[in-house]
Amino acid sequence: VHKYHKEILDDLVANLTSGQWRVRMSCCNALADLLRGAQSLHQSLEQLPTIWLQLFRVMDDVHEGTRQAATSTANVLSKVM
Protein backbone atom coordinates (compact mmCIF):
# COMPACT_ATOMS: atom_id res chain seq x y z
CA VAL A 1 0.00 0.00 0.00
CA HIS A 2 2.80 2.42 0.87
CA LYS A 3 4.62 1.72 -2.39
CA TYR A 4 1.55 2.51 -4.52
CA HIS A 5 -0.07 5.11 -2.25
CA LYS A 6 -0.27 7.81 -4.94
CA GLU A 7 -1.74 5.48 -7.56
CA ILE A 8 -4.33 4.11 -5.14
CA LEU A 9 -5.25 7.61 -4.00
CA ASP A 10 -5.58 8.86 -7.60
CA ASP A 11 -7.89 5.97 -8.47
CA LEU A 12 -10.06 6.43 -5.38
CA VAL A 13 -10.44 10.17 -5.93
CA ALA A 14 -11.27 9.66 -9.60
CA ASN A 15 -14.00 7.15 -8.74
CA LEU A 16 -15.58 9.09 -5.86
CA THR A 17 -18.06 10.51 -8.36
CA SER A 18 -18.65 7.30 -10.32
CA GLY A 19 -22.07 6.71 -11.82
CA GLN A 20 -22.66 3.71 -9.56
CA TRP A 21 -23.47 4.30 -5.89
CA ARG A 22 -21.69 1.08 -4.87
CA VAL A 23 -18.44 2.36 -6.37
CA ARG A 24 -18.86 5.77 -4.71
CA MET A 25 -19.52 4.20 -1.32
CA SER A 26 -16.62 1.76 -1.65
CA CYS A 27 -14.25 4.55 -2.65
CA CYS A 28 -15.29 6.62 0.36
CA ASN A 29 -14.69 3.71 2.72
CA ALA A 30 -11.38 2.78 1.07
CA LEU A 31 -10.24 6.42 1.16
CA ALA A 32 -10.99 6.60 4.89
CA ASP A 33 -8.95 3.43 5.46
CA LEU A 34 -6.10 4.75 3.32
CA LEU A 35 -6.02 8.05 5.22
CA ARG A 36 -6.10 6.30 8.59
CA GLY A 37 -3.19 4.08 7.60
CA ALA A 38 -1.10 6.78 5.94
CA GLN A 39 2.29 7.41 7.51
CA SER A 40 1.81 11.12 6.90
CA LEU A 41 -0.54 13.39 5.01
CA HIS A 42 2.37 14.74 2.95
CA GLN A 43 1.79 11.96 0.42
CA SER A 44 -1.72 13.32 -0.17
CA LEU A 45 -1.20 17.09 0.02
CA GLU A 46 -1.54 17.84 -3.68
CA GLN A 47 -4.85 15.94 -3.79
CA LEU A 48 -6.45 17.55 -0.70
CA PRO A 49 -8.48 20.24 -2.50
CA THR A 50 -9.83 17.66 -4.95
CA ILE A 51 -10.56 15.17 -2.17
CA TRP A 52 -12.56 17.75 -0.21
CA LEU A 53 -14.46 18.87 -3.32
CA GLN A 54 -15.37 15.32 -4.30
CA LEU A 55 -16.34 14.38 -0.73
CA PHE A 56 -18.68 17.37 -0.48
CA ARG A 57 -20.31 16.30 -3.73
CA VAL A 58 -20.78 12.75 -2.50
CA MET A 59 -22.13 14.02 0.84
CA ASP A 60 -25.08 15.31 -1.23
CA ASP A 61 -25.64 11.92 -2.91
CA VAL A 62 -29.09 10.49 -3.57
CA HIS A 63 -28.15 7.22 -1.83
CA GLU A 64 -28.23 7.47 1.97
CA GLY A 65 -25.46 4.93 2.60
CA THR A 66 -23.17 6.77 0.22
CA ARG A 67 -23.86 10.07 2.00
CA GLN A 68 -23.02 8.46 5.33
CA ALA A 69 -19.80 6.97 3.96
CA ALA A 70 -18.74 10.34 2.56
CA THR A 71 -19.51 12.09 5.85
CA SER A 72 -17.52 9.50 7.77
CA THR A 73 -14.58 9.89 5.38
CA ALA A 74 -14.71 13.69 5.74
CA ASN A 75 -14.57 13.26 9.52
CA VAL A 76 -11.52 11.01 9.20
CA LEU A 77 -9.85 13.50 6.87
CA SER A 78 -10.51 16.40 9.24
CA LYS A 79 -8.97 14.47 12.15
CA VAL A 80 -5.90 13.45 10.14
CA MET A 81 -5.23 17.04 9.16
PDB file of N, CA and C in Angstrom:
ATOM      1  N   VAL A   1       0.827  -1.191   0.000  1.00  0.00           N
ATOM      2  CA  VAL A   1       0.000   0.000   0.000  1.00  0.00           C
ATOM      3  C   VAL A   1       0.872   1.256   0.000  1.00  0.00           C
ATOM      4  N   HIS A   2       1.943   1.240   0.801  1.00  0.00           N
ATOM      5  CA  HIS A   2       2.798   2.420   0.870  1.00  0.00           C
ATOM      6  C   HIS A   2       3.512   2.668  -0.452  1.00  0.00           C
ATOM      7  N   LYS A   3       3.886   1.590  -1.124  1.00  0.00           N
ATOM      8  CA  LYS A   3       4.616   1.719  -2.387  1.00  0.00           C
ATOM      9  C   LYS A   3       3.737   2.358  -3.465  1.00  0.00           C
ATOM     10  N   TYR A   4       2.462   2.021  -3.488  1.00  0.00           N
ATOM     11  CA  TYR A   4       1.546   2.509  -4.521  1.00  0.00           C
ATOM     12  C   TYR A   4       0.511   3.489  -3.974  1.00  0.00           C
ATOM     13  N   HIS A   5       0.859   4.185  -2.909  1.00  0.00           N
ATOM     14  CA  HIS A   5      -0.072   5.106  -2.246  1.00  0.00           C
ATOM     15  C   HIS A   5      -0.646   6.123  -3.227  1.00  0.00           C
ATOM     16  N   LYS A   6       0.193   6.769  -4.005  1.00  0.00           N
ATOM     17  CA  LYS A   6      -0.265   7.807  -4.936  1.00  0.00           C
ATOM     18  C   LYS A   6      -1.221   7.236  -5.979  1.00  0.00           C
ATOM     19  N   GLU A   7      -0.892   6.084  -6.537  1.00  0.00           N
ATOM     20  CA  GLU A   7      -1.742   5.476  -7.558  1.00  0.00           C
ATOM     21  C   GLU A   7      -3.096   5.066  -6.984  1.00  0.00           C
ATOM     22  N   ILE A   8      -3.077   4.505  -5.796  1.00  0.00           N
ATOM     23  CA  ILE A   8      -4.329   4.112  -5.140  1.00  0.00           C
ATOM     24  C   ILE A   8      -5.175   5.346  -4.855  1.00  0.00           C
ATOM     25  N   LEU A   9      -4.541   6.379  -4.318  1.00  0.00           N
ATOM     26  CA  LEU A   9      -5.255   7.612  -4.000  1.00  0.00           C
ATOM     27  C   LEU A   9      -5.853   8.236  -5.258  1.00  0.00           C
ATOM     28  N   ASP A  10      -5.080   8.295  -6.338  1.00  0.00           N
ATOM     29  CA  ASP A  10      -5.582   8.856  -7.595  1.00  0.00           C
ATOM     30  C   ASP A  10      -6.818   8.104  -8.083  1.00  0.00           C
ATOM     31  N   ASP A  11      -6.776   6.782  -8.012  1.00  0.00           N
ATOM     32  CA  ASP A  11      -7.894   5.970  -8.473  1.00  0.00           C
ATOM     33  C   ASP A  11      -9.130   6.171  -7.593  1.00  0.00           C
ATOM     34  N   LEU A  12      -8.924   6.228  -6.289  1.00  0.00           N
ATOM     35  CA  LEU A  12     -10.056   6.430  -5.380  1.00  0.00           C
ATOM     36  C   LEU A  12     -10.709   7.787  -5.600  1.00  0.00           C
ATOM     37  N   VAL A  13      -9.895   8.822  -5.727  1.00  0.00           N
ATOM     38  CA  VAL A  13     -10.439  10.171  -5.927  1.00  0.00           C
ATOM     39  C   VAL A  13     -11.179  10.257  -7.260  1.00  0.00           C
ATOM     40  N   ALA A  14     -10.621   9.634  -8.285  1.00  0.00           N
ATOM     41  CA  ALA A  14     -11.265   9.664  -9.600  1.00  0.00           C
ATOM     42  C   ALA A  14     -12.619   8.957  -9.586  1.00  0.00           C
ATOM     43  N   ASN A  15     -12.758   7.932  -8.765  1.00  0.00           N
ATOM     44  CA  ASN A  15     -13.997   7.153  -8.741  1.00  0.00           C
ATOM     45  C   ASN A  15     -14.975   7.574  -7.650  1.00  0.00           C
ATOM     46  N   LEU A  16     -14.645   8.613  -6.887  1.00  0.00           N
ATOM     47  CA  LEU A  16     -15.577   9.093  -5.862  1.00  0.00           C
ATOM     48  C   LEU A  16     -16.890   9.567  -6.471  1.00  0.00           C
ATOM     49  N   THR A  17     -16.850  10.016  -7.702  1.00  0.00           N
ATOM     50  CA  THR A  17     -18.063  10.508  -8.362  1.00  0.00           C
ATOM     51  C   THR A  17     -18.498   9.576  -9.495  1.00  0.00           C
ATOM     52  N   SER A  18     -18.237   8.308  -9.337  1.00  0.00           N
ATOM     53  CA  SER A  18     -18.648   7.299 -10.317  1.00  0.00           C
ATOM     54  C   SER A  18     -20.167   7.310 -10.479  1.00  0.00           C
ATOM     55  N   GLY A  19     -20.628   6.776 -11.569  1.00  0.00           N
ATOM     56  CA  GLY A  19     -22.065   6.705 -11.820  1.00  0.00           C
ATOM     57  C   GLY A  19     -22.784   5.668 -10.976  1.00  0.00           C
ATOM     58  N   GLN A  20     -22.047   4.762 -10.364  1.00  0.00           N
ATOM     59  CA  GLN A  20     -22.657   3.708  -9.555  1.00  0.00           C
ATOM     60  C   GLN A  20     -22.467   4.009  -8.072  1.00  0.00           C
ATOM     61  N   TRP A  21     -23.561   3.954  -7.312  1.00  0.00           N
ATOM     62  CA  TRP A  21     -23.472   4.297  -5.890  1.00  0.00           C
ATOM     63  C   TRP A  21     -22.588   3.318  -5.133  1.00  0.00           C
ATOM     64  N   ARG A  22     -22.537   2.067  -5.555  1.00  0.00           N
ATOM     65  CA  ARG A  22     -21.687   1.075  -4.870  1.00  0.00           C
ATOM     66  C   ARG A  22     -20.212   1.447  -4.980  1.00  0.00           C
ATOM     67  N   VAL A  23     -19.831   1.947  -6.148  1.00  0.00           N
ATOM     68  CA  VAL A  23     -18.442   2.358  -6.371  1.00  0.00           C
ATOM     69  C   VAL A  23     -18.132   3.592  -5.535  1.00  0.00           C
ATOM     70  N   ARG A  24     -19.067   4.555  -5.507  1.00  0.00           N
ATOM     71  CA  ARG A  24     -18.857   5.772  -4.715  1.00  0.00           C
ATOM     72  C   ARG A  24     -18.702   5.439  -3.237  1.00  0.00           C
ATOM     73  N   MET A  25     -19.574   4.571  -2.731  1.00  0.00           N
ATOM     74  CA  MET A  25     -19.516   4.204  -1.318  1.00  0.00           C
ATOM     75  C   MET A  25     -18.224   3.447  -1.007  1.00  0.00           C
ATOM     76  N   SER A  26     -17.856   2.531  -1.860  1.00  0.00           N
ATOM     77  CA  SER A  26     -16.624   1.757  -1.652  1.00  0.00           C
ATOM     78  C   SER A  26     -15.400   2.655  -1.674  1.00  0.00           C
ATOM     79  N   CYS A  27     -15.381   3.622  -2.577  1.00  0.00           N
ATOM     80  CA  CYS A  27     -14.245   4.545  -2.652  1.00  0.00           C
ATOM     81  C   CYS A  27     -14.159   5.410  -1.397  1.00  0.00           C
ATOM     82  N   CYS A  28     -15.294   5.839  -0.883  1.00  0.00           N
ATOM     83  CA  CYS A  28     -15.289   6.618   0.361  1.00  0.00           C
ATOM     84  C   CYS A  28     -14.711   5.794   1.506  1.00  0.00           C
ATOM     85  N   ASN A  29     -15.171   4.568   1.637  1.00  0.00           N
ATOM     86  CA  ASN A  29     -14.686   3.706   2.718  1.00  0.00           C
ATOM     87  C   ASN A  29     -13.209   3.372   2.551  1.00  0.00           C
ATOM     88  N   ALA A  30     -12.794   3.097   1.325  1.00  0.00           N
ATOM     89  CA  ALA A  30     -11.382   2.785   1.070  1.00  0.00           C
ATOM     90  C   ALA A  30     -10.506   4.008   1.308  1.00  0.00           C
ATOM     91  N   LEU A  31     -11.003   5.190   0.942  1.00  0.00           N
ATOM     92  CA  LEU A  31     -10.242   6.419   1.164  1.00  0.00           C
ATOM     93  C   LEU A  31     -10.059   6.671   2.658  1.00  0.00           C
ATOM     94  N   ALA A  32     -11.098   6.431   3.434  1.00  0.00           N
ATOM     95  CA  ALA A  32     -10.990   6.595   4.888  1.00  0.00           C
ATOM     96  C   ALA A  32      -9.937   5.648   5.453  1.00  0.00           C
ATOM     97  N   ASP A  33      -9.952   4.399   5.004  1.00  0.00           N
ATOM     98  CA  ASP A  33      -8.950   3.426   5.461  1.00  0.00           C
ATOM     99  C   ASP A  33      -7.551   3.833   5.040  1.00  0.00           C
ATOM    100  N   LEU A  34      -7.409   4.321   3.815  1.00  0.00           N
ATOM    101  CA  LEU A  34      -6.099   4.746   3.315  1.00  0.00           C
ATOM    102  C   LEU A  34      -5.570   5.928   4.123  1.00  0.00           C
ATOM    103  N   LEU A  35      -6.449   6.872   4.445  1.00  0.00           N
ATOM    104  CA  LEU A  35      -6.024   8.046   5.215  1.00  0.00           C
ATOM    105  C   LEU A  35      -5.666   7.673   6.648  1.00  0.00           C
ATOM    106  N   ARG A  36      -6.406   6.746   7.230  1.00  0.00           N
ATOM    107  CA  ARG A  36      -6.098   6.297   8.592  1.00  0.00           C
ATOM    108  C   ARG A  36      -4.745   5.601   8.647  1.00  0.00           C
ATOM    109  N   GLY A  37      -4.420   4.853   7.611  1.00  0.00           N
ATOM    110  CA  GLY A  37      -3.193   4.082   7.596  1.00  0.00           C
ATOM    111  C   GLY A  37      -1.993   4.820   7.040  1.00  0.00           C
ATOM    112  N   ALA A  38      -2.196   6.034   6.551  1.00  0.00           N
ATOM    113  CA  ALA A  38      -1.097   6.783   5.936  1.00  0.00           C
ATOM    114  C   ALA A  38      -0.059   7.167   6.988  1.00  0.00           C
ATOM    115  N   GLN A  39       1.194   7.028   6.622  1.00  0.00           N
ATOM    116  CA  GLN A  39       2.288   7.413   7.510  1.00  0.00           C
ATOM    117  C   GLN A  39       2.232   8.920   7.780  1.00  0.00           C
ATOM    118  N   SER A  40       1.959   9.674   6.744  1.00  0.00           N
ATOM    119  CA  SER A  40       1.810  11.116   6.898  1.00  0.00           C
ATOM    120  C   SER A  40       0.892  11.625   5.798  1.00  0.00           C
ATOM    121  N   LEU A  41       0.364  12.803   5.997  1.00  0.00           N
ATOM    122  CA  LEU A  41      -0.535  13.388   5.011  1.00  0.00           C
ATOM    123  C   LEU A  41       0.241  14.024   3.864  1.00  0.00           C
ATOM    124  N   HIS A  42       1.556  14.118   3.993  1.00  0.00           N
ATOM    125  CA  HIS A  42       2.372  14.739   2.950  1.00  0.00           C
ATOM    126  C   HIS A  42       2.223  14.025   1.615  1.00  0.00           C
ATOM    127  N   GLN A  43       1.971  12.724   1.652  1.00  0.00           N
ATOM    128  CA  GLN A  43       1.786  11.965   0.421  1.00  0.00           C
ATOM    129  C   GLN A  43       0.511  12.386  -0.309  1.00  0.00           C
ATOM    130  N   SER A  44      -0.414  12.995   0.398  1.00  0.00           N
ATOM    131  CA  SER A  44      -1.722  13.324  -0.165  1.00  0.00           C
ATOM    132  C   SER A  44      -1.956  14.820  -0.321  1.00  0.00           C
ATOM    133  N   LEU A  45      -0.985  15.646  -0.007  1.00  0.00           N
ATOM    134  CA  LEU A  45      -1.199  17.094   0.023  1.00  0.00           C
ATOM    135  C   LEU A  45      -1.709  17.668  -1.287  1.00  0.00           C
ATOM    136  N   GLU A  46      -1.135  17.259  -2.401  1.00  0.00           N
ATOM    137  CA  GLU A  46      -1.545  17.843  -3.675  1.00  0.00           C
ATOM    138  C   GLU A  46      -2.980  17.471  -4.045  1.00  0.00           C
ATOM    139  N   GLN A  47      -3.489  16.393  -3.490  1.00  0.00           N
ATOM    140  CA  GLN A  47      -4.850  15.937  -3.788  1.00  0.00           C
ATOM    141  C   GLN A  47      -5.901  16.493  -2.824  1.00  0.00           C
ATOM    142  N   LEU A  48      -5.485  17.129  -1.729  1.00  0.00           N
ATOM    143  CA  LEU A  48      -6.450  17.546  -0.700  1.00  0.00           C
ATOM    144  C   LEU A  48      -7.599  18.410  -1.219  1.00  0.00           C
ATOM    145  N   PRO A  49      -7.338  19.452  -2.017  1.00  0.00           N
ATOM    146  CA  PRO A  49      -8.484  20.243  -2.500  1.00  0.00           C
ATOM    147  C   PRO A  49      -9.475  19.405  -3.313  1.00  0.00           C
ATOM    148  N   THR A  50      -8.963  18.524  -4.140  1.00  0.00           N
ATOM    149  CA  THR A  50      -9.828  17.665  -4.949  1.00  0.00           C
ATOM    150  C   THR A  50     -10.585  16.673  -4.073  1.00  0.00           C
ATOM    151  N   ILE A  51      -9.905  16.120  -3.077  1.00  0.00           N
ATOM    152  CA  ILE A  51     -10.561  15.170  -2.170  1.00  0.00           C
ATOM    153  C   ILE A  51     -11.727  15.844  -1.459  1.00  0.00           C
ATOM    154  N   TRP A  52     -11.489  17.041  -0.907  1.00  0.00           N
ATOM    155  CA  TRP A  52     -12.564  17.749  -0.207  1.00  0.00           C
ATOM    156  C   TRP A  52     -13.722  18.053  -1.157  1.00  0.00           C
ATOM    157  N   LEU A  53     -13.414  18.534  -2.348  1.00  0.00           N
ATOM    158  CA  LEU A  53     -14.458  18.868  -3.319  1.00  0.00           C
ATOM    159  C   LEU A  53     -15.304  17.645  -3.661  1.00  0.00           C
ATOM    160  N   GLN A  54     -14.645  16.533  -3.945  1.00  0.00           N
ATOM    161  CA  GLN A  54     -15.369  15.316  -4.298  1.00  0.00           C
ATOM    162  C   GLN A  54     -16.182  14.786  -3.110  1.00  0.00           C
ATOM    163  N   LEU A  55     -15.600  14.850  -1.913  1.00  0.00           N
ATOM    164  CA  LEU A  55     -16.336  14.377  -0.732  1.00  0.00           C
ATOM    165  C   LEU A  55     -17.593  15.211  -0.488  1.00  0.00           C
ATOM    166  N   PHE A  56     -17.494  16.531  -0.662  1.00  0.00           N
ATOM    167  CA  PHE A  56     -18.684  17.367  -0.475  1.00  0.00           C
ATOM    168  C   PHE A  56     -19.754  17.029  -1.506  1.00  0.00           C
ATOM    169  N   ARG A  57     -19.340  16.713  -2.716  1.00  0.00           N
ATOM    170  CA  ARG A  57     -20.310  16.304  -3.733  1.00  0.00           C
ATOM    171  C   ARG A  57     -21.002  15.003  -3.334  1.00  0.00           C
ATOM    172  N   VAL A  58     -20.210  14.054  -2.860  1.00  0.00           N
ATOM    173  CA  VAL A  58     -20.781  12.754  -2.501  1.00  0.00           C
ATOM    174  C   VAL A  58     -21.614  12.857  -1.223  1.00  0.00           C
ATOM    175  N   MET A  59     -21.320  13.827  -0.368  1.00  0.00           N
ATOM    176  CA  MET A  59     -22.125  14.023   0.841  1.00  0.00           C
ATOM    177  C   MET A  59     -23.545  14.477   0.489  1.00  0.00           C
ATOM    178  N   ASP A  60     -23.756  14.902  -0.759  1.00  0.00           N
ATOM    179  CA  ASP A  60     -25.076  15.307  -1.234  1.00  0.00           C
ATOM    180  C   ASP A  60     -25.659  14.255  -2.186  1.00  0.00           C
ATOM    181  N   ASP A  61     -25.240  13.018  -2.027  1.00  0.00           N
ATOM    182  CA  ASP A  61     -25.636  11.923  -2.913  1.00  0.00           C
ATOM    183  C   ASP A  61     -27.095  11.536  -2.687  1.00  0.00           C
ATOM    184  N   VAL A  62     -27.703  10.936  -3.699  1.00  0.00           N
ATOM    185  CA  VAL A  62     -29.094  10.485  -3.572  1.00  0.00           C
ATOM    186  C   VAL A  62     -29.210   9.230  -2.709  1.00  0.00           C
ATOM    187  N   HIS A  63     -28.146   8.468  -2.602  1.00  0.00           N
ATOM    188  CA  HIS A  63     -28.155   7.222  -1.828  1.00  0.00           C
ATOM    189  C   HIS A  63     -27.692   7.506  -0.400  1.00  0.00           C
ATOM    190  N   GLU A  64     -28.513   7.145   0.568  1.00  0.00           N
ATOM    191  CA  GLU A  64     -28.229   7.472   1.969  1.00  0.00           C
ATOM    192  C   GLU A  64     -26.929   6.847   2.474  1.00  0.00           C
ATOM    193  N   GLY A  65     -26.684   5.600   2.156  1.00  0.00           N
ATOM    194  CA  GLY A  65     -25.464   4.928   2.603  1.00  0.00           C
ATOM    195  C   GLY A  65     -24.208   5.589   2.059  1.00  0.00           C
ATOM    196  N   THR A  66     -24.299   6.074   0.837  1.00  0.00           N
ATOM    197  CA  THR A  66     -23.166   6.769   0.225  1.00  0.00           C
ATOM    198  C   THR A  66     -22.923   8.098   0.930  1.00  0.00           C
ATOM    199  N   ARG A  67     -24.001   8.806   1.256  1.00  0.00           N
ATOM    200  CA  ARG A  67     -23.857  10.070   2.002  1.00  0.00           C
ATOM    201  C   ARG A  67     -23.189   9.826   3.345  1.00  0.00           C
ATOM    202  N   GLN A  68     -23.599   8.777   4.027  1.00  0.00           N
ATOM    203  CA  GLN A  68     -23.018   8.459   5.333  1.00  0.00           C
ATOM    204  C   GLN A  68     -21.544   8.091   5.209  1.00  0.00           C
ATOM    205  N   ALA A  69     -21.200   7.341   4.177  1.00  0.00           N
ATOM    206  CA  ALA A  69     -19.798   6.965   3.962  1.00  0.00           C
ATOM    207  C   ALA A  69     -18.952   8.199   3.674  1.00  0.00           C
ATOM    208  N   ALA A  70     -19.471   9.118   2.878  1.00  0.00           N
ATOM    209  CA  ALA A  70     -18.737  10.344   2.561  1.00  0.00           C
ATOM    210  C   ALA A  70     -18.568  11.214   3.801  1.00  0.00           C
ATOM    211  N   THR A  71     -19.593  11.308   4.618  1.00  0.00           N
ATOM    212  CA  THR A  71     -19.510  12.093   5.849  1.00  0.00           C
ATOM    213  C   THR A  71     -18.487  11.491   6.804  1.00  0.00           C
ATOM    214  N   SER A  72     -18.495  10.189   6.919  1.00  0.00           N
ATOM    215  CA  SER A  72     -17.525   9.499   7.769  1.00  0.00           C
ATOM    216  C   SER A  72     -16.097   9.728   7.263  1.00  0.00           C
ATOM    217  N   THR A  73     -15.906   9.665   5.964  1.00  0.00           N
ATOM    218  CA  THR A  73     -14.580   9.895   5.376  1.00  0.00           C
ATOM    219  C   THR A  73     -14.136  11.333   5.601  1.00  0.00           C
ATOM    220  N   ALA A  74     -15.050  12.285   5.483  1.00  0.00           N
ATOM    221  CA  ALA A  74     -14.712  13.688   5.739  1.00  0.00           C
ATOM    222  C   ALA A  74     -14.296  13.878   7.196  1.00  0.00           C
ATOM    223  N   ASN A  75     -14.957  13.189   8.109  1.00  0.00           N
ATOM    224  CA  ASN A  75     -14.572  13.261   9.522  1.00  0.00           C
ATOM    225  C   ASN A  75     -13.173  12.708   9.739  1.00  0.00           C
ATOM    226  N   VAL A  76     -12.868  11.592   9.094  1.00  0.00           N
ATOM    227  CA  VAL A  76     -11.521  11.012   9.197  1.00  0.00           C
ATOM    228  C   VAL A  76     -10.493  11.986   8.646  1.00  0.00           C
ATOM    229  N   LEU A  77     -10.783  12.565   7.495  1.00  0.00           N
ATOM    230  CA  LEU A  77      -9.848  13.503   6.871  1.00  0.00           C
ATOM    231  C   LEU A  77      -9.619  14.726   7.751  1.00  0.00           C
ATOM    232  N   SER A  78     -10.671  15.231   8.379  1.00  0.00           N
ATOM    233  CA  SER A  78     -10.508  16.404   9.241  1.00  0.00           C
ATOM    234  C   SER A  78      -9.672  16.086  10.477  1.00  0.00           C
ATOM    235  N   LYS A  79      -9.762  14.858  10.975  1.00  0.00           N
ATOM    236  CA  LYS A  79      -8.968  14.469  12.145  1.00  0.00           C
ATOM    237  C   LYS A  79      -7.511  14.227  11.786  1.00  0.00           C
ATOM    238  N   VAL A  80      -7.261  13.725  10.580  1.00  0.00           N
ATOM    239  CA  VAL A  80      -5.896  13.446  10.138  1.00  0.00           C
ATOM    240  C   VAL A  80      -5.135  14.741   9.894  1.00  0.00           C
ATOM    241  N   MET A  81      -5.868  15.759   9.457  1.00  0.00           N
ATOM    242  CA  MET A  81      -5.230  17.037   9.159  1.00  0.00           C
ATOM    243  C   MET A  81      -4.816  17.675  10.451  1.00  0.00           C
TER     244      MET A  81
END
